[in-house]
Amino acid sequence: MRKRAKETLVKNVAEREGYSTALLRGLEILRAFGPSDSSLGNLELMERTNLPKATVSRLTYTLAGLGYLVYNEVMGRYTLGPATVSLGYSALSSNAVIHQSRTLMEELAKKTGAAVAIGGRDQAEMVYLALVHSDSLVTLRLSVGSRLPIWNTAMGLAYFVGLDESAREKLQTTYPPKDDAERHKRAQMVAKALLDYERQGYVVASGTWTSYITSVGVPFIPKDGSSVVSFTCGGIKEIMDDKTVRRVVGPALVELRKSVEASLEGSHSPVVSPAAS
């Protein structure tokens, strides 16, 4: 997203939803840090958030004072602080879906040679909340906290099909395509995902984000009303061919979701392990 468009979006969201603009801007400072960023200076934060210099300086000073950032006086740069790390750890450690699915994810990764993940949405992107790598030598170098686009990945499309119609419309309106080419591509991906999910119970994205990767995804819709997340299984096309996707990976992901649902509901009925087929 372009810098000016991003700042305009933050302001529009704040005005439309009645949110605190100051809080949104502070969170944008924290969101500016990516998994590969060991530290950022105020100039880089200005470029990434498109906020004025005085605003960035005031926010970083406040966030550092509260422990959400740590300032290195020698380098003149900030790193994420203990308070931010604690928030993220608390969110993941208290997530029942992650706890209940870990063993099943490990079994599926071992069986398929692919990576199995759980992802949730953060604004216009999907974020890895949990990830189990296989022993395959060829894989995407992703980790918990890595971000993916919504519209051309199995993780994002699985999330999208798990929403009700009004939520889908709101998501697309909030993050509109930047041009006609993107609008056309998104419409194709969304239509295919909805059709795949209706027919098969899962979505497939092959070569649409990274050319040599095929991923399969299913939405998980918590019964407690919390946010939709996605289960995905992805790997190189050689091990994720059409036959394997159709006969193994897709059905296994559907069963994994059912097993987690049953476990969370305290069901004592038999559940099928993805590794048992």
Protein backbone atom coordinates (compact mmCIF):
# COMPACT_ATOMS: atom_id res chain seq x y z
CA MET A 1 0.00 0.00 0.00
CA ARG A 2 1.34 3.46 -0.87
CA LYS A 3 2.36 5.62 2.08
CA ARG A 4 -0.14 8.42 1.53
CA ALA A 5 -2.94 5.94 0.91
CA LYS A 6 -2.04 4.15 4.13
CA GLU A 7 -2.21 7.30 6.25
CA THR A 8 -5.47 8.33 4.59
CA LEU A 9 -6.88 4.89 5.34
CA VAL A 10 -5.97 5.20 9.02
CA LYS A 11 -7.69 8.58 9.21
CA ASN A 12 -10.76 7.36 7.35
CA VAL A 13 -11.09 4.30 9.58
CA ALA A 14 -10.75 6.44 12.69
CA GLU A 15 -13.39 8.89 11.53
CA ARG A 16 -15.82 6.25 10.26
CA GLU A 17 -15.58 3.91 13.26
CA GLY A 18 -15.13 6.53 15.95
CA TYR A 19 -11.68 5.20 16.89
CA SER A 20 -8.92 7.19 18.58
CA THR A 21 -6.63 8.57 15.88
CA ALA A 22 -3.75 8.89 18.36
CA LEU A 23 -4.04 5.23 19.34
CA LEU A 24 -4.23 4.11 15.72
CA ARG A 25 -1.09 6.07 14.90
CA GLY A 26 0.74 4.59 17.87
CA LEU A 27 -0.19 1.10 16.75
CA GLU A 28 0.97 1.93 13.22
CA ILE A 29 4.41 2.66 14.67
CA LEU A 30 4.51 -0.81 16.22
CA ARG A 31 3.14 -2.42 13.04
CA ALA A 32 5.96 -0.84 11.05
CA PHE A 33 8.39 -3.36 12.54
CA GLY A 34 8.65 -6.49 10.41
CA PRO A 35 10.12 -9.91 11.29
CA SER A 36 13.43 -9.00 9.64
CA ASP A 37 13.78 -5.59 11.33
CA SER A 38 16.24 -5.64 14.21
CA SER A 39 15.79 -1.89 14.70
CA LEU A 40 14.28 1.18 13.04
CA GLY A 41 15.01 4.87 13.27
CA ASN A 42 12.50 7.70 13.26
CA LEU A 43 13.21 8.45 9.60
CA GLU A 44 12.37 4.89 8.58
CA LEU A 45 9.25 4.98 10.74
CA MET A 46 8.20 8.22 9.06
CA GLU A 47 8.63 6.61 5.63
CA ARG A 48 6.71 3.47 6.57
CA THR A 49 3.80 5.19 8.30
CA ASN A 50 3.79 8.51 6.39
CA LEU A 51 3.32 10.31 9.69
CA PRO A 52 4.87 13.75 10.30
CA LYS A 53 8.28 13.94 11.95
CA ALA A 54 6.95 15.57 15.12
CA THR A 55 4.21 12.93 15.46
CA VAL A 56 6.66 10.05 15.05
CA SER A 57 9.07 11.55 17.56
CA ARG A 58 6.29 12.05 20.12
CA LEU A 59 4.91 8.55 19.63
CA THR A 60 8.26 6.75 19.78
CA TYR A 61 9.18 8.72 22.91
CA THR A 62 5.89 7.70 24.55
CA LEU A 63 6.10 4.06 23.44
CA ALA A 64 9.67 3.81 24.71
CA GLY A 65 8.65 5.29 28.05
CA LEU A 66 5.94 2.63 28.38
CA GLY A 67 8.26 -0.24 27.43
CA TYR A 68 6.75 -0.97 24.02
CA LEU A 69 9.93 0.27 22.33
CA VAL A 70 13.55 0.34 23.48
CA TYR A 71 15.76 3.22 22.37
CA ASN A 72 19.45 2.71 21.61
CA GLU A 73 21.08 6.08 22.23
CA VAL A 74 24.31 5.14 20.46
CA MET A 75 22.57 4.08 17.25
CA GLY A 76 19.62 6.42 17.55
CA ARG A 77 17.26 3.55 16.72
CA TYR A 78 14.39 1.67 18.29
CA THR A 79 13.69 -2.01 18.83
CA LEU A 80 10.46 -3.63 20.01
CA GLY A 81 10.37 -3.65 23.78
CA PRO A 82 9.40 -6.24 26.41
CA ALA A 83 5.85 -4.91 26.71
CA THR A 84 5.21 -5.50 22.99
CA VAL A 85 6.79 -8.96 23.10
CA SER A 86 4.71 -9.81 26.17
CA LEU A 87 1.49 -8.85 24.41
CA GLY A 88 2.31 -11.07 21.43
CA TYR A 89 3.36 -13.98 23.62
CA SER A 90 0.24 -13.69 25.75
CA ALA A 91 -1.98 -13.69 22.65
CA LEU A 92 -0.35 -16.81 21.21
CA SER A 93 0.02 -18.72 24.48
CA SER A 94 -3.65 -18.21 25.35
CA ASN A 95 -4.92 -19.21 21.90
CA ALA A 96 -6.83 -22.46 22.36
CA VAL A 97 -6.93 -23.20 18.62
CA ILE A 98 -3.12 -23.23 18.44
CA HIS A 99 -2.85 -25.52 21.46
CA GLN A 100 -5.45 -27.99 20.26
CA SER A 101 -4.10 -28.20 16.70
CA ARG A 102 -0.33 -28.45 17.28
CA THR A 103 -0.08 -32.25 17.28
CA LEU A 104 -2.36 -32.60 14.27
CA MET A 105 -0.34 -29.98 12.39
CA GLU A 106 2.88 -31.86 13.11
CA GLU A 107 1.36 -35.11 11.84
CA LEU A 108 0.15 -33.49 8.63
CA ALA A 109 3.51 -31.80 7.99
CA LYS A 110 5.30 -35.12 8.42
CA LYS A 111 2.86 -36.92 6.17
CA THR A 112 2.90 -34.41 3.30
CA GLY A 113 6.40 -32.96 3.46
CA ALA A 114 4.77 -29.53 3.42
CA ALA A 115 4.45 -26.71 5.95
CA VAL A 116 1.27 -26.45 8.02
CA ALA A 117 0.21 -23.13 9.50
CA ILE A 118 -2.46 -21.12 11.25
CA GLY A 119 -2.99 -17.53 10.12
CA GLY A 120 -5.10 -14.59 11.20
CA ARG A 121 -5.84 -11.26 9.54
CA ASP A 122 -4.14 -8.01 10.47
CA GLN A 123 -5.63 -5.19 8.40
CA ALA A 124 -4.92 -6.00 4.72
CA GLU A 125 -2.57 -8.91 5.42
CA MET A 126 -2.54 -12.39 6.91
CA VAL A 127 -0.11 -13.10 9.75
CA TYR A 128 1.35 -16.49 10.68
CA LEU A 129 0.22 -17.34 14.23
CA ALA A 130 1.65 -20.86 14.29
CA LEU A 131 3.80 -22.81 11.86
CA VAL A 132 5.11 -26.36 11.62
CA HIS A 133 7.82 -27.03 9.05
CA SER A 134 8.36 -30.39 7.39
CA ASP A 135 11.74 -32.00 6.71
CA SER A 136 11.62 -30.90 3.07
CA LEU A 137 14.79 -29.17 1.88
CA VAL A 138 12.81 -26.79 -0.35
CA THR A 139 10.39 -24.56 1.51
CA LEU A 140 9.44 -20.94 1.97
CA ARG A 141 11.48 -19.31 4.71
CA LEU A 142 8.56 -18.06 6.76
CA SER A 143 8.06 -17.95 10.51
CA VAL A 144 5.51 -16.89 13.12
CA GLY A 145 4.84 -13.22 12.47
CA SER A 146 5.46 -13.43 8.72
CA ARG A 147 2.89 -11.61 6.60
CA LEU A 148 1.12 -12.60 3.40
CA PRO A 149 -1.36 -10.81 1.12
CA ILE A 150 -4.99 -11.80 1.45
CA TRP A 151 -6.18 -11.99 -2.12
CA ASN A 152 -3.75 -14.41 -3.80
CA THR A 153 -2.81 -16.82 -1.01
CA ALA A 154 -4.61 -19.87 0.35
CA MET A 155 -4.32 -18.44 3.86
CA GLY A 156 -6.02 -15.19 2.87
CA LEU A 157 -8.64 -16.73 0.61
CA ALA A 158 -9.54 -19.35 3.24
CA TYR A 159 -10.06 -16.52 5.70
CA PHE A 160 -12.20 -14.67 3.15
CA VAL A 161 -14.54 -17.59 2.42
CA GLY A 162 -15.00 -18.12 6.16
CA LEU A 163 -16.59 -14.68 6.55
CA ASP A 164 -20.27 -13.98 6.13
CA GLU A 165 -21.35 -11.98 3.09
CA SER A 166 -21.51 -8.61 4.85
CA ALA A 167 -18.03 -9.07 6.34
CA ARG A 168 -16.62 -10.00 2.93
CA GLU A 169 -18.11 -6.87 1.39
CA LYS A 170 -16.75 -4.69 4.19
CA LEU A 171 -13.27 -6.19 3.82
CA GLN A 172 -13.18 -5.53 0.09
CA THR A 173 -14.55 -2.01 0.53
CA THR A 174 -12.03 -1.17 3.25
CA TYR A 175 -9.10 -2.40 1.16
CA PRO A 176 -10.09 -1.72 -2.47
CA PRO A 177 -7.93 -2.75 -5.45
CA LYS A 178 -5.45 -0.09 -6.54
CA ASP A 179 -6.22 -0.40 -10.26
CA ASP A 180 -8.30 -2.27 -12.84
CA ALA A 181 -5.73 -5.02 -13.29
CA GLU A 182 -5.70 -5.79 -9.58
CA ARG A 183 -9.51 -5.57 -9.45
CA HIS A 184 -9.80 -8.16 -12.23
CA LYS A 185 -7.24 -10.49 -10.66
CA ARG A 186 -8.86 -10.25 -7.23
CA ALA A 187 -12.31 -10.96 -8.67
CA GLN A 188 -10.97 -14.11 -10.35
CA MET A 189 -9.22 -15.36 -7.21
CA VAL A 190 -12.23 -14.68 -4.98
CA ALA A 191 -14.68 -16.34 -7.39
CA LYS A 192 -12.48 -19.43 -7.67
CA ALA A 193 -12.03 -19.62 -3.90
CA LEU A 194 -15.76 -19.41 -3.23
CA LEU A 195 -16.46 -22.09 -5.84
CA ASP A 196 -13.67 -24.37 -4.55
CA TYR A 197 -14.92 -24.04 -0.99
CA GLU A 198 -18.52 -24.76 -1.99
CA ARG A 199 -17.54 -27.86 -3.98
CA GLN A 200 -14.61 -29.24 -2.00
CA GLY A 201 -14.62 -27.65 1.44
CA TYR A 202 -11.17 -26.07 0.92
CA VAL A 203 -9.43 -23.50 -1.29
CA VAL A 204 -6.30 -23.88 -3.42
CA ALA A 205 -3.77 -21.24 -4.52
CA SER A 206 -1.09 -22.50 -6.88
CA GLY A 207 1.64 -20.18 -8.14
CA THR A 208 -0.43 -17.08 -7.46
CA TRP A 209 1.90 -15.61 -4.83
CA THR A 210 5.14 -17.56 -5.23
CA SER A 211 5.45 -19.36 -8.54
CA TYR A 212 6.72 -22.70 -7.25
CA ILE A 213 4.41 -23.04 -4.23
CA THR A 214 0.95 -24.59 -3.99
CA SER A 215 -1.07 -24.08 -0.82
CA VAL A 216 -4.39 -25.39 0.42
CA GLY A 217 -6.49 -23.64 3.05
CA VAL A 218 -9.60 -24.05 5.16
CA PRO A 219 -11.25 -21.46 7.40
CA PHE A 220 -11.76 -22.09 11.09
CA ILE A 221 -14.76 -20.24 12.49
CA PRO A 222 -14.68 -20.21 16.32
CA LYS A 223 -17.99 -20.88 17.99
CA ASP A 224 -17.26 -18.24 20.64
CA GLY A 225 -17.53 -15.42 18.13
CA SER A 226 -13.82 -14.63 17.99
CA SER A 227 -12.06 -13.91 14.70
CA VAL A 228 -11.89 -16.36 11.81
CA VAL A 229 -8.47 -17.96 11.27
CA SER A 230 -7.10 -20.18 8.52
CA PHE A 231 -5.42 -23.57 8.49
CA THR A 232 -3.08 -24.00 5.52
CA CYS A 233 -0.75 -26.63 4.13
CA GLY A 234 1.74 -25.52 1.47
CA GLY A 235 4.82 -26.75 -0.31
CA ILE A 236 6.59 -26.97 -3.65
CA LYS A 237 4.46 -28.03 -6.59
CA GLU A 238 6.38 -31.30 -7.00
CA ILE A 239 5.00 -32.59 -3.70
CA MET A 240 1.72 -30.67 -3.85
CA ASP A 241 0.48 -31.87 -7.22
CA ASP A 242 -3.22 -31.90 -8.12
CA LYS A 243 -3.68 -35.54 -7.15
CA THR A 244 -2.05 -35.09 -3.74
CA VAL A 245 -4.05 -31.94 -3.06
CA ARG A 246 -7.31 -33.61 -4.03
CA ARG A 247 -6.78 -36.98 -2.33
CA VAL A 248 -4.61 -36.16 0.66
CA VAL A 249 -4.03 -32.54 1.64
CA GLY A 250 -7.49 -31.05 1.09
CA PRO A 251 -9.42 -33.80 2.91
CA ALA A 252 -6.78 -33.90 5.68
CA LEU A 253 -7.15 -30.19 6.35
CA VAL A 254 -10.93 -30.54 6.53
CA GLU A 255 -10.53 -33.39 9.04
CA LEU A 256 -7.96 -31.40 11.03
CA ARG A 257 -10.47 -28.58 11.40
CA LYS A 258 -13.20 -31.00 12.47
CA SER A 259 -10.87 -32.56 15.05
CA VAL A 260 -9.98 -29.18 16.52
CA GLU A 261 -13.64 -28.16 16.61
CA ALA A 262 -14.56 -31.36 18.43
CA SER A 263 -11.71 -30.95 20.88
CA LEU A 264 -12.62 -27.36 21.70
CA GLU A 265 -16.25 -28.32 22.19
CA GLY A 266 -15.23 -31.11 24.57
CA SER A 267 -16.69 -33.73 22.26
CA HIS A 268 -15.98 -37.35 23.10
CA SER A 269 -16.97 -38.57 19.68
CA PRO A 270 -14.19 -40.21 17.58
CA VAL A 271 -12.19 -37.80 15.44
CA VAL A 272 -9.99 -38.64 12.50
CA SER A 273 -6.32 -37.70 12.57
CA PRO A 274 -4.91 -36.25 9.35
CA ALA A 275 -2.16 -38.87 9.53
CA ALA A 276 -4.57 -41.76 9.74
CA SER A 277 -5.75 -41.85 6.12
